[in-house]
N, C-alpha and C. Protein backbone atom coordinates (compact mmCIF):
# COMPACT_ATOMS: atom_id res chain seq x y z
N MET A 1 -31.52 -91.22 203.71
CA MET A 1 -32.13 -90.37 202.72
C MET A 1 -32.44 -89.01 203.36
N MET A 2 -32.11 -87.93 202.67
CA MET A 2 -32.30 -86.56 203.15
C MET A 2 -33.67 -86.04 202.71
N LYS A 3 -34.42 -85.41 203.67
CA LYS A 3 -35.70 -84.80 203.35
C LYS A 3 -35.45 -83.42 202.74
N VAL A 4 -36.26 -83.10 201.70
CA VAL A 4 -36.22 -81.78 201.07
C VAL A 4 -37.66 -81.31 200.90
N GLY A 5 -37.91 -80.05 201.20
CA GLY A 5 -39.24 -79.48 201.02
C GLY A 5 -39.13 -78.03 200.58
N HIS A 6 -40.28 -77.44 200.25
CA HIS A 6 -40.27 -76.03 199.82
C HIS A 6 -41.29 -75.24 200.62
N GLY A 7 -41.02 -73.95 200.75
CA GLY A 7 -41.88 -73.05 201.52
C GLY A 7 -42.85 -72.31 200.63
N GLY A 8 -43.72 -73.04 199.95
CA GLY A 8 -44.72 -72.43 199.08
C GLY A 8 -44.39 -72.68 197.62
N THR A 9 -45.40 -72.54 196.80
CA THR A 9 -45.21 -72.76 195.37
C THR A 9 -45.23 -71.43 194.64
N LEU A 10 -44.67 -71.43 193.46
CA LEU A 10 -44.75 -70.29 192.56
C LEU A 10 -45.68 -70.65 191.42
N ASP A 11 -46.39 -69.66 190.90
CA ASP A 11 -47.20 -69.88 189.71
C ASP A 11 -46.31 -70.39 188.58
N PRO A 12 -46.88 -71.15 187.63
CA PRO A 12 -46.07 -71.64 186.50
C PRO A 12 -45.35 -70.53 185.74
N LEU A 13 -45.96 -69.36 185.67
CA LEU A 13 -45.39 -68.23 184.93
C LEU A 13 -44.31 -67.50 185.73
N ALA A 14 -44.22 -67.77 187.03
CA ALA A 14 -43.37 -66.99 187.93
C ALA A 14 -41.94 -67.51 187.99
N SER A 15 -41.06 -66.61 188.42
CA SER A 15 -39.67 -66.96 188.70
C SER A 15 -39.30 -66.25 190.00
N GLY A 16 -38.10 -66.53 190.47
CA GLY A 16 -37.63 -65.82 191.65
C GLY A 16 -37.45 -66.71 192.86
N VAL A 17 -37.58 -66.10 194.03
CA VAL A 17 -37.27 -66.74 195.31
C VAL A 17 -38.24 -67.88 195.60
N LEU A 18 -37.68 -69.06 195.86
CA LEU A 18 -38.44 -70.21 196.34
C LEU A 18 -37.60 -70.83 197.45
N VAL A 19 -38.09 -70.74 198.67
CA VAL A 19 -37.33 -71.20 199.83
C VAL A 19 -37.39 -72.73 199.90
N LEU A 20 -36.21 -73.34 200.04
CA LEU A 20 -36.11 -74.79 200.19
C LEU A 20 -35.62 -75.12 201.59
N GLY A 21 -36.13 -76.21 202.13
CA GLY A 21 -35.65 -76.71 203.42
C GLY A 21 -35.03 -78.08 203.21
N ILE A 22 -33.88 -78.29 203.81
CA ILE A 22 -33.18 -79.57 203.68
C ILE A 22 -32.96 -80.14 205.07
N GLY A 23 -33.26 -81.43 205.23
CA GLY A 23 -33.09 -82.08 206.52
C GLY A 23 -33.97 -81.45 207.57
N LYS A 24 -33.37 -81.04 208.70
CA LYS A 24 -34.13 -80.42 209.79
C LYS A 24 -34.72 -79.07 209.38
N GLY A 25 -34.21 -78.48 208.33
CA GLY A 25 -34.73 -77.20 207.84
C GLY A 25 -36.16 -77.30 207.34
N THR A 26 -36.62 -78.52 207.01
CA THR A 26 -38.00 -78.66 206.55
C THR A 26 -39.01 -78.34 207.64
N THR A 27 -38.61 -78.42 208.90
CA THR A 27 -39.53 -78.13 210.00
C THR A 27 -39.82 -76.64 210.12
N GLN A 28 -39.03 -75.81 209.49
CA GLN A 28 -39.21 -74.36 209.58
C GLN A 28 -39.95 -73.78 208.38
N LEU A 29 -40.32 -74.62 207.42
CA LEU A 29 -40.91 -74.12 206.18
C LEU A 29 -42.28 -73.47 206.37
N GLN A 30 -43.06 -73.91 207.33
CA GLN A 30 -44.39 -73.34 207.54
C GLN A 30 -44.31 -71.84 207.79
N SER A 31 -43.28 -71.38 208.49
CA SER A 31 -43.16 -69.95 208.75
C SER A 31 -42.93 -69.17 207.45
N TYR A 32 -42.30 -69.79 206.47
CA TYR A 32 -42.11 -69.13 205.18
C TYR A 32 -43.39 -69.09 204.37
N LEU A 33 -44.22 -70.12 204.51
CA LEU A 33 -45.51 -70.13 203.83
C LEU A 33 -46.38 -68.98 204.31
N GLU A 34 -46.34 -68.71 205.60
CA GLU A 34 -47.18 -67.68 206.20
C GLU A 34 -46.51 -66.31 206.20
N GLY A 35 -45.24 -66.24 205.89
CA GLY A 35 -44.49 -65.00 206.00
C GLY A 35 -44.75 -64.01 204.88
N ASP A 36 -44.15 -62.84 205.04
CA ASP A 36 -44.29 -61.76 204.07
C ASP A 36 -43.55 -62.10 202.78
N LYS A 37 -44.10 -61.59 201.69
CA LYS A 37 -43.53 -61.83 200.37
C LYS A 37 -43.50 -60.52 199.59
N GLN A 38 -42.65 -60.48 198.58
CA GLN A 38 -42.57 -59.30 197.72
C GLN A 38 -42.45 -59.77 196.28
N TYR A 39 -43.17 -59.08 195.39
CA TYR A 39 -43.22 -59.46 193.98
C TYR A 39 -43.11 -58.24 193.08
N VAL A 40 -42.66 -58.47 191.87
CA VAL A 40 -42.82 -57.52 190.77
C VAL A 40 -43.66 -58.25 189.73
N ALA A 41 -44.79 -57.65 189.39
CA ALA A 41 -45.72 -58.25 188.43
C ALA A 41 -45.80 -57.39 187.19
N VAL A 42 -45.76 -58.02 186.03
CA VAL A 42 -46.01 -57.34 184.77
C VAL A 42 -47.45 -57.66 184.39
N CYS A 43 -48.19 -56.64 183.98
CA CYS A 43 -49.62 -56.77 183.76
C CYS A 43 -50.00 -56.16 182.42
N GLU A 44 -51.17 -56.56 181.93
CA GLU A 44 -51.66 -55.97 180.68
C GLU A 44 -53.16 -55.74 180.79
N LEU A 45 -53.58 -54.54 180.45
CA LEU A 45 -54.99 -54.18 180.44
C LEU A 45 -55.65 -54.69 179.16
N GLY A 46 -56.96 -54.91 179.23
CA GLY A 46 -57.73 -55.18 178.02
C GLY A 46 -58.19 -56.61 177.82
N TYR A 47 -57.61 -57.56 178.55
CA TYR A 47 -58.09 -58.95 178.43
C TYR A 47 -57.92 -59.70 179.73
N GLU A 48 -58.77 -60.70 179.91
CA GLU A 48 -58.72 -61.57 181.09
C GLU A 48 -58.72 -63.01 180.59
N THR A 49 -58.03 -63.88 181.31
CA THR A 49 -57.93 -65.28 180.89
C THR A 49 -58.50 -66.21 181.96
N THR A 50 -58.64 -67.47 181.60
CA THR A 50 -59.14 -68.48 182.52
C THR A 50 -58.26 -68.62 183.75
N THR A 51 -56.96 -68.42 183.60
CA THR A 51 -56.01 -68.59 184.69
C THR A 51 -55.59 -67.27 185.33
N LEU A 52 -56.05 -66.16 184.79
CA LEU A 52 -55.69 -64.80 185.21
C LEU A 52 -54.24 -64.48 184.91
N ASP A 53 -53.60 -65.28 184.06
CA ASP A 53 -52.25 -64.99 183.59
C ASP A 53 -52.17 -65.28 182.10
N ALA A 54 -51.01 -65.04 181.51
CA ALA A 54 -50.85 -65.18 180.06
C ALA A 54 -50.93 -66.62 179.58
N GLU A 55 -50.92 -67.59 180.49
CA GLU A 55 -50.97 -69.00 180.12
C GLU A 55 -52.38 -69.46 179.77
N GLY A 56 -53.40 -68.73 180.20
CA GLY A 56 -54.78 -69.18 180.03
C GLY A 56 -55.40 -68.74 178.71
N ASP A 57 -56.61 -69.23 178.49
CA ASP A 57 -57.39 -68.84 177.31
C ASP A 57 -58.12 -67.53 177.61
N VAL A 58 -58.17 -66.65 176.62
CA VAL A 58 -58.85 -65.36 176.79
C VAL A 58 -60.35 -65.62 176.93
N VAL A 59 -60.94 -65.08 177.99
CA VAL A 59 -62.37 -65.24 178.23
C VAL A 59 -63.12 -63.90 178.20
N LYS A 60 -62.39 -62.80 178.26
CA LYS A 60 -63.04 -61.50 178.26
C LYS A 60 -62.07 -60.46 177.70
N GLU A 61 -62.60 -59.58 176.86
CA GLU A 61 -61.82 -58.45 176.36
C GLU A 61 -62.64 -57.19 176.58
N MET A 62 -61.95 -56.11 176.96
CA MET A 62 -62.61 -54.83 177.20
C MET A 62 -61.70 -53.68 176.77
N GLU A 63 -62.32 -52.58 176.42
CA GLU A 63 -61.60 -51.37 176.08
C GLU A 63 -60.85 -50.86 177.32
N TRP A 64 -59.67 -50.34 177.10
CA TRP A 64 -58.85 -49.84 178.21
C TRP A 64 -58.33 -48.42 177.96
N ALA A 65 -58.63 -47.82 176.80
CA ALA A 65 -58.02 -46.54 176.41
C ALA A 65 -58.37 -45.39 177.36
N HIS A 66 -59.42 -45.52 178.18
CA HIS A 66 -59.74 -44.46 179.15
C HIS A 66 -58.71 -44.39 180.27
N VAL A 67 -57.89 -45.43 180.41
CA VAL A 67 -56.79 -45.40 181.37
C VAL A 67 -55.64 -44.69 180.66
N LYS A 68 -55.35 -43.48 181.08
CA LYS A 68 -54.42 -42.62 180.34
C LYS A 68 -52.96 -42.79 180.75
N SER A 69 -52.72 -43.28 181.97
CA SER A 69 -51.34 -43.37 182.42
C SER A 69 -51.21 -44.38 183.55
N VAL A 70 -49.97 -44.74 183.82
CA VAL A 70 -49.68 -45.57 184.98
C VAL A 70 -49.58 -44.67 186.20
N LYS A 71 -48.79 -43.62 186.08
CA LYS A 71 -48.62 -42.65 187.17
C LYS A 71 -49.81 -41.71 187.19
N GLY A 72 -50.18 -41.26 188.40
CA GLY A 72 -51.37 -40.44 188.55
C GLY A 72 -51.14 -38.95 188.42
N GLY A 73 -49.91 -38.51 188.25
CA GLY A 73 -49.65 -37.08 188.19
C GLY A 73 -49.85 -36.43 189.54
N SER A 74 -50.23 -35.16 189.57
CA SER A 74 -50.35 -34.44 190.84
C SER A 74 -51.68 -34.71 191.54
N ASP A 75 -52.64 -35.28 190.84
CA ASP A 75 -53.95 -35.56 191.44
C ASP A 75 -53.87 -36.83 192.26
N SER A 76 -54.05 -36.72 193.58
CA SER A 76 -53.95 -37.90 194.44
C SER A 76 -55.33 -38.45 194.79
N ASP A 77 -56.36 -38.08 194.04
CA ASP A 77 -57.71 -38.56 194.26
C ASP A 77 -57.76 -40.08 194.12
N SER A 78 -58.15 -40.77 195.19
CA SER A 78 -58.14 -42.23 195.18
C SER A 78 -59.24 -42.81 194.30
N THR A 79 -60.16 -41.98 193.79
CA THR A 79 -61.20 -42.49 192.91
C THR A 79 -60.85 -42.28 191.44
N ASN A 80 -59.64 -41.85 191.16
CA ASN A 80 -59.20 -41.56 189.80
C ASN A 80 -58.99 -42.87 189.04
N THR A 81 -59.87 -43.15 188.07
CA THR A 81 -59.73 -44.38 187.28
C THR A 81 -59.04 -44.14 185.95
N SER A 82 -58.45 -42.95 185.77
CA SER A 82 -57.73 -42.70 184.52
C SER A 82 -56.25 -43.06 184.64
N SER A 83 -55.81 -43.50 185.83
CA SER A 83 -54.43 -43.95 185.99
C SER A 83 -54.39 -45.17 186.89
N VAL A 84 -53.42 -46.02 186.65
CA VAL A 84 -53.26 -47.21 187.48
C VAL A 84 -53.02 -46.80 188.93
N GLU A 85 -52.11 -45.85 189.15
CA GLU A 85 -51.82 -45.41 190.52
C GLU A 85 -53.04 -44.85 191.22
N GLY A 86 -54.00 -44.32 190.46
CA GLY A 86 -55.18 -43.71 191.05
C GLY A 86 -56.08 -44.68 191.81
N VAL A 87 -55.92 -45.98 191.59
CA VAL A 87 -56.77 -46.96 192.27
C VAL A 87 -56.01 -47.85 193.26
N LEU A 88 -54.70 -47.77 193.28
CA LEU A 88 -53.90 -48.72 194.07
C LEU A 88 -54.14 -48.63 195.57
N SER A 89 -54.48 -47.45 196.08
CA SER A 89 -54.69 -47.32 197.53
C SER A 89 -55.85 -48.19 198.02
N LYS A 90 -56.77 -48.54 197.14
CA LYS A 90 -57.90 -49.40 197.51
C LYS A 90 -57.46 -50.84 197.76
N PHE A 91 -56.24 -51.16 197.39
CA PHE A 91 -55.76 -52.54 197.50
C PHE A 91 -54.65 -52.67 198.54
N GLN A 92 -54.62 -51.77 199.50
CA GLN A 92 -53.63 -51.84 200.57
C GLN A 92 -54.34 -52.10 201.89
N GLY A 93 -53.67 -52.82 202.77
CA GLY A 93 -54.26 -53.20 204.04
C GLY A 93 -54.91 -54.57 203.92
N LYS A 94 -55.83 -54.86 204.83
CA LYS A 94 -56.55 -56.13 204.78
C LYS A 94 -57.67 -55.99 203.76
N ILE A 95 -57.67 -56.87 202.78
CA ILE A 95 -58.67 -56.83 201.72
C ILE A 95 -59.27 -58.22 201.54
N GLN A 96 -60.46 -58.25 200.96
CA GLN A 96 -61.10 -59.52 200.61
C GLN A 96 -60.68 -59.87 199.18
N GLN A 97 -60.32 -61.14 198.98
CA GLN A 97 -59.84 -61.56 197.67
C GLN A 97 -60.46 -62.90 197.30
N VAL A 98 -60.88 -63.01 196.05
CA VAL A 98 -61.35 -64.28 195.50
C VAL A 98 -60.17 -64.91 194.76
N PRO A 99 -59.68 -66.06 195.23
CA PRO A 99 -58.55 -66.70 194.54
C PRO A 99 -58.91 -67.09 193.11
N PRO A 100 -57.90 -67.29 192.27
CA PRO A 100 -58.16 -67.73 190.89
C PRO A 100 -58.75 -69.14 190.87
N LEU A 101 -59.51 -69.44 189.81
CA LEU A 101 -60.03 -70.79 189.63
C LEU A 101 -58.88 -71.78 189.55
N TYR A 102 -57.81 -71.40 188.88
CA TYR A 102 -56.62 -72.25 188.80
C TYR A 102 -55.72 -71.91 189.98
N SER A 103 -56.00 -72.53 191.13
CA SER A 103 -55.20 -72.34 192.33
C SER A 103 -55.27 -73.61 193.17
N ALA A 104 -54.45 -73.67 194.20
CA ALA A 104 -54.38 -74.87 195.05
C ALA A 104 -55.38 -74.83 196.20
N ILE A 105 -56.26 -73.84 196.23
CA ILE A 105 -57.28 -73.75 197.27
C ILE A 105 -58.18 -74.98 197.18
N ARG A 106 -58.57 -75.51 198.34
CA ARG A 106 -59.47 -76.67 198.36
C ARG A 106 -60.92 -76.23 198.52
N VAL A 107 -61.79 -76.80 197.69
CA VAL A 107 -63.23 -76.62 197.79
C VAL A 107 -63.85 -78.01 197.77
N ASP A 108 -64.61 -78.33 198.79
CA ASP A 108 -65.20 -79.68 198.92
C ASP A 108 -64.15 -80.77 198.80
N GLY A 109 -62.98 -80.54 199.39
CA GLY A 109 -61.92 -81.54 199.43
C GLY A 109 -61.08 -81.66 198.17
N LYS A 110 -61.39 -80.88 197.14
CA LYS A 110 -60.62 -80.96 195.90
C LYS A 110 -59.95 -79.62 195.63
N ARG A 111 -58.77 -79.68 195.07
CA ARG A 111 -58.07 -78.44 194.71
C ARG A 111 -58.78 -77.81 193.51
N LEU A 112 -58.89 -76.48 193.53
CA LEU A 112 -59.59 -75.79 192.45
C LEU A 112 -59.01 -76.10 191.08
N TYR A 113 -57.67 -76.19 190.97
CA TYR A 113 -57.10 -76.46 189.66
C TYR A 113 -57.49 -77.84 189.15
N GLU A 114 -57.73 -78.80 190.05
CA GLU A 114 -58.19 -80.13 189.62
C GLU A 114 -59.61 -80.04 189.05
N ILE A 115 -60.45 -79.25 189.70
CA ILE A 115 -61.82 -79.04 189.22
C ILE A 115 -61.78 -78.35 187.86
N ALA A 116 -60.96 -77.31 187.74
CA ALA A 116 -60.88 -76.53 186.51
C ALA A 116 -60.36 -77.35 185.34
N ARG A 117 -59.41 -78.22 185.58
CA ARG A 117 -58.80 -79.00 184.49
C ARG A 117 -59.73 -80.06 183.92
N LYS A 118 -60.83 -80.34 184.61
CA LYS A 118 -61.79 -81.31 184.07
C LYS A 118 -62.51 -80.76 182.85
N GLY A 119 -62.39 -79.48 182.61
CA GLY A 119 -62.96 -78.86 181.42
C GLY A 119 -64.40 -78.43 181.62
N ASP A 120 -64.84 -77.54 180.74
CA ASP A 120 -66.20 -77.01 180.77
C ASP A 120 -66.59 -76.44 182.13
N VAL A 121 -65.61 -75.96 182.86
CA VAL A 121 -65.86 -75.35 184.16
C VAL A 121 -65.25 -73.95 184.13
N ASN A 122 -66.01 -72.98 184.60
CA ASN A 122 -65.44 -71.64 184.74
C ASN A 122 -65.72 -71.14 186.15
N SER A 123 -65.22 -69.98 186.46
CA SER A 123 -65.32 -69.48 187.83
C SER A 123 -66.77 -69.23 188.24
N ASP A 124 -67.69 -69.11 187.28
CA ASP A 124 -69.10 -68.93 187.62
C ASP A 124 -69.74 -70.25 188.06
N ASP A 125 -69.14 -71.38 187.68
CA ASP A 125 -69.68 -72.70 188.00
C ASP A 125 -69.27 -73.19 189.39
N VAL A 126 -68.24 -72.61 189.96
CA VAL A 126 -67.69 -73.06 191.23
C VAL A 126 -67.74 -71.91 192.22
N GLU A 127 -68.24 -72.18 193.41
CA GLU A 127 -68.25 -71.13 194.43
C GLU A 127 -66.89 -71.09 195.12
N ILE A 128 -66.11 -70.09 194.75
CA ILE A 128 -64.77 -69.93 195.31
C ILE A 128 -64.87 -69.04 196.54
N PRO A 129 -64.45 -69.55 197.69
CA PRO A 129 -64.58 -68.75 198.91
C PRO A 129 -63.67 -67.53 198.90
N THR A 130 -64.22 -66.40 199.34
CA THR A 130 -63.45 -65.18 199.50
C THR A 130 -62.55 -65.34 200.72
N ARG A 131 -61.33 -64.78 200.62
CA ARG A 131 -60.38 -64.86 201.73
C ARG A 131 -59.89 -63.46 202.08
N GLU A 132 -59.56 -63.28 203.34
CA GLU A 132 -58.93 -62.02 203.74
C GLU A 132 -57.43 -62.18 203.58
N VAL A 133 -56.82 -61.26 202.86
CA VAL A 133 -55.37 -61.24 202.68
C VAL A 133 -54.89 -59.85 203.07
N GLU A 134 -53.59 -59.72 203.25
CA GLU A 134 -53.04 -58.42 203.62
C GLU A 134 -52.00 -57.98 202.61
N VAL A 135 -52.22 -56.79 202.08
CA VAL A 135 -51.27 -56.17 201.15
C VAL A 135 -50.67 -54.98 201.89
N TYR A 136 -49.37 -55.07 202.16
CA TYR A 136 -48.69 -54.02 202.92
C TYR A 136 -48.37 -52.82 202.04
N GLY A 137 -48.15 -53.08 200.77
CA GLY A 137 -47.85 -52.00 199.85
C GLY A 137 -47.99 -52.46 198.42
N VAL A 138 -48.53 -51.60 197.58
CA VAL A 138 -48.59 -51.88 196.14
C VAL A 138 -48.37 -50.54 195.44
N LYS A 139 -47.44 -50.54 194.51
CA LYS A 139 -47.15 -49.30 193.79
C LYS A 139 -46.76 -49.62 192.36
N ALA A 140 -46.91 -48.61 191.52
CA ALA A 140 -46.47 -48.75 190.14
C ALA A 140 -44.96 -48.89 190.14
N TYR A 141 -44.48 -49.85 189.41
CA TYR A 141 -43.05 -50.14 189.36
C TYR A 141 -42.46 -49.42 188.16
N ASN A 142 -41.40 -48.67 188.39
CA ASN A 142 -40.79 -47.90 187.31
C ASN A 142 -40.09 -48.82 186.32
N CYS A 143 -40.53 -48.78 185.11
CA CYS A 143 -39.88 -49.53 184.04
C CYS A 143 -40.27 -48.88 182.72
N THR A 144 -39.86 -49.45 181.64
CA THR A 144 -40.06 -48.82 180.33
C THR A 144 -41.34 -49.28 179.64
N LEU A 145 -42.21 -49.98 180.32
CA LEU A 145 -43.45 -50.45 179.71
C LEU A 145 -44.39 -49.29 179.41
N GLU A 146 -45.17 -49.45 178.36
CA GLU A 146 -46.19 -48.46 178.01
C GLU A 146 -47.54 -49.15 178.00
N LEU A 147 -48.58 -48.40 178.38
CA LEU A 147 -49.93 -48.95 178.38
C LEU A 147 -50.26 -49.55 177.02
N PRO A 148 -50.90 -50.69 176.97
CA PRO A 148 -51.69 -51.30 178.02
C PRO A 148 -50.89 -52.12 179.04
N GLN A 149 -49.57 -52.17 178.89
CA GLN A 149 -48.76 -52.91 179.86
C GLN A 149 -48.32 -51.97 180.99
N PHE A 150 -48.20 -52.55 182.18
CA PHE A 150 -47.67 -51.81 183.32
C PHE A 150 -47.10 -52.82 184.30
N ALA A 151 -46.35 -52.33 185.27
CA ALA A 151 -45.75 -53.23 186.27
C ALA A 151 -46.07 -52.72 187.67
N LEU A 152 -46.16 -53.66 188.60
CA LEU A 152 -46.45 -53.36 189.99
C LEU A 152 -45.41 -53.98 190.89
N GLU A 153 -45.13 -53.32 192.00
CA GLU A 153 -44.34 -53.92 193.07
C GLU A 153 -45.30 -54.13 194.23
N VAL A 154 -45.37 -55.36 194.74
CA VAL A 154 -46.34 -55.72 195.77
C VAL A 154 -45.62 -56.34 196.96
N GLN A 155 -45.90 -55.83 198.16
CA GLN A 155 -45.47 -56.45 199.41
C GLN A 155 -46.74 -56.96 200.08
N CYS A 156 -46.75 -58.25 200.44
CA CYS A 156 -47.99 -58.83 200.95
C CYS A 156 -47.71 -59.96 201.92
N GLY A 157 -48.76 -60.36 202.61
CA GLY A 157 -48.69 -61.51 203.49
C GLY A 157 -48.91 -62.80 202.71
N GLY A 158 -48.67 -63.92 203.37
CA GLY A 158 -48.88 -65.21 202.75
C GLY A 158 -50.33 -65.41 202.34
N GLY A 159 -50.55 -66.15 201.27
CA GLY A 159 -51.89 -66.45 200.80
C GLY A 159 -52.46 -65.46 199.81
N THR A 160 -51.73 -64.38 199.52
CA THR A 160 -52.20 -63.38 198.56
C THR A 160 -51.92 -63.88 197.15
N TYR A 161 -52.93 -63.83 196.30
CA TYR A 161 -52.75 -64.20 194.89
C TYR A 161 -52.55 -62.92 194.07
N ILE A 162 -51.38 -62.77 193.50
CA ILE A 162 -51.08 -61.58 192.70
C ILE A 162 -51.95 -61.57 191.44
N ARG A 163 -52.22 -62.74 190.87
CA ARG A 163 -53.11 -62.81 189.69
C ARG A 163 -54.48 -62.22 190.02
N SER A 164 -55.01 -62.53 191.18
CA SER A 164 -56.31 -61.98 191.59
C SER A 164 -56.22 -60.48 191.85
N LEU A 165 -55.12 -60.05 192.43
CA LEU A 165 -54.92 -58.62 192.68
C LEU A 165 -54.92 -57.85 191.37
N VAL A 166 -54.22 -58.36 190.37
CA VAL A 166 -54.18 -57.71 189.05
C VAL A 166 -55.57 -57.68 188.43
N ARG A 167 -56.30 -58.80 188.51
CA ARG A 167 -57.68 -58.84 188.00
C ARG A 167 -58.52 -57.75 188.65
N ASP A 168 -58.43 -57.65 189.99
CA ASP A 168 -59.25 -56.70 190.73
C ASP A 168 -58.86 -55.25 190.43
N ILE A 169 -57.59 -54.99 190.21
CA ILE A 169 -57.15 -53.65 189.80
C ILE A 169 -57.75 -53.31 188.44
N GLY A 170 -57.76 -54.27 187.53
CA GLY A 170 -58.41 -54.05 186.24
C GLY A 170 -59.87 -53.69 186.39
N TYR A 171 -60.59 -54.43 187.23
CA TYR A 171 -62.01 -54.13 187.45
C TYR A 171 -62.19 -52.73 188.02
N GLU A 172 -61.32 -52.35 188.95
CA GLU A 172 -61.42 -51.02 189.55
C GLU A 172 -61.16 -49.93 188.52
N LEU A 173 -60.41 -50.26 187.48
CA LEU A 173 -60.13 -49.32 186.39
C LEU A 173 -61.21 -49.37 185.31
N ASP A 174 -62.30 -50.07 185.58
CA ASP A 174 -63.41 -50.23 184.62
C ASP A 174 -62.98 -50.93 183.34
N THR A 175 -62.10 -51.91 183.49
CA THR A 175 -61.67 -52.74 182.37
C THR A 175 -61.29 -54.10 182.95
N VAL A 176 -60.50 -54.86 182.23
CA VAL A 176 -59.97 -56.13 182.74
C VAL A 176 -58.46 -56.10 182.59
N ALA A 177 -57.79 -56.95 183.37
CA ALA A 177 -56.32 -56.99 183.33
C ALA A 177 -55.86 -58.41 183.61
N THR A 178 -54.71 -58.74 183.07
CA THR A 178 -54.12 -60.07 183.21
C THR A 178 -52.65 -59.92 183.58
N MET A 179 -52.17 -60.81 184.44
CA MET A 179 -50.76 -60.83 184.79
C MET A 179 -50.00 -61.56 183.68
N THR A 180 -48.96 -60.92 183.17
CA THR A 180 -48.17 -61.53 182.09
C THR A 180 -46.78 -61.95 182.53
N GLY A 181 -46.37 -61.56 183.72
CA GLY A 181 -45.08 -61.97 184.26
C GLY A 181 -45.05 -61.74 185.75
N LEU A 182 -44.26 -62.56 186.47
CA LEU A 182 -44.19 -62.42 187.92
C LEU A 182 -42.83 -62.88 188.41
N VAL A 183 -42.20 -62.04 189.24
CA VAL A 183 -40.94 -62.40 189.88
C VAL A 183 -41.12 -62.20 191.37
N ARG A 184 -40.85 -63.26 192.14
CA ARG A 184 -40.87 -63.12 193.59
C ARG A 184 -39.48 -62.66 194.01
N THR A 185 -39.43 -61.50 194.66
CA THR A 185 -38.14 -60.91 195.03
C THR A 185 -37.81 -61.10 196.51
N LYS A 186 -38.79 -61.54 197.31
CA LYS A 186 -38.54 -61.79 198.74
C LYS A 186 -39.46 -62.90 199.22
């Protein structure tokens, strides 16, 4: 019988690269779990869900019209909350991130998604540990989307949750945001 394994999981909403190991190749999968990754995420301002993606139930809605554009124009002020690009520099380098409630992170020996699926539990009921992750680059991805939708290209280290990154970008824009699509490209 041949052993088969994978180098990390993709969110249910995601598509793209998923590294498989076959036979002796399964011994090398840990390096892929910890390795660099690249994604294109489609996002939408104005609502947040239980899962931080389009699969979850809406738990919060907020006005987003003060965000005027995806691109920041000629103003490179990193405190500019009127454009998506105006806040992205705050999410590069080593950052602290709270993983989504629906994730495989273990708390008290149980995976968070197992706790969440029991019902009547939200992220305020469970103490989710903050983790340090590294984002090598995040930029607005050129496409034909119009606000409240936008797309991001993210290069990051292993363990980074793109759903949490999108949530945090929404908060930095003084609104909320949800990931509506994700493709792992590397």
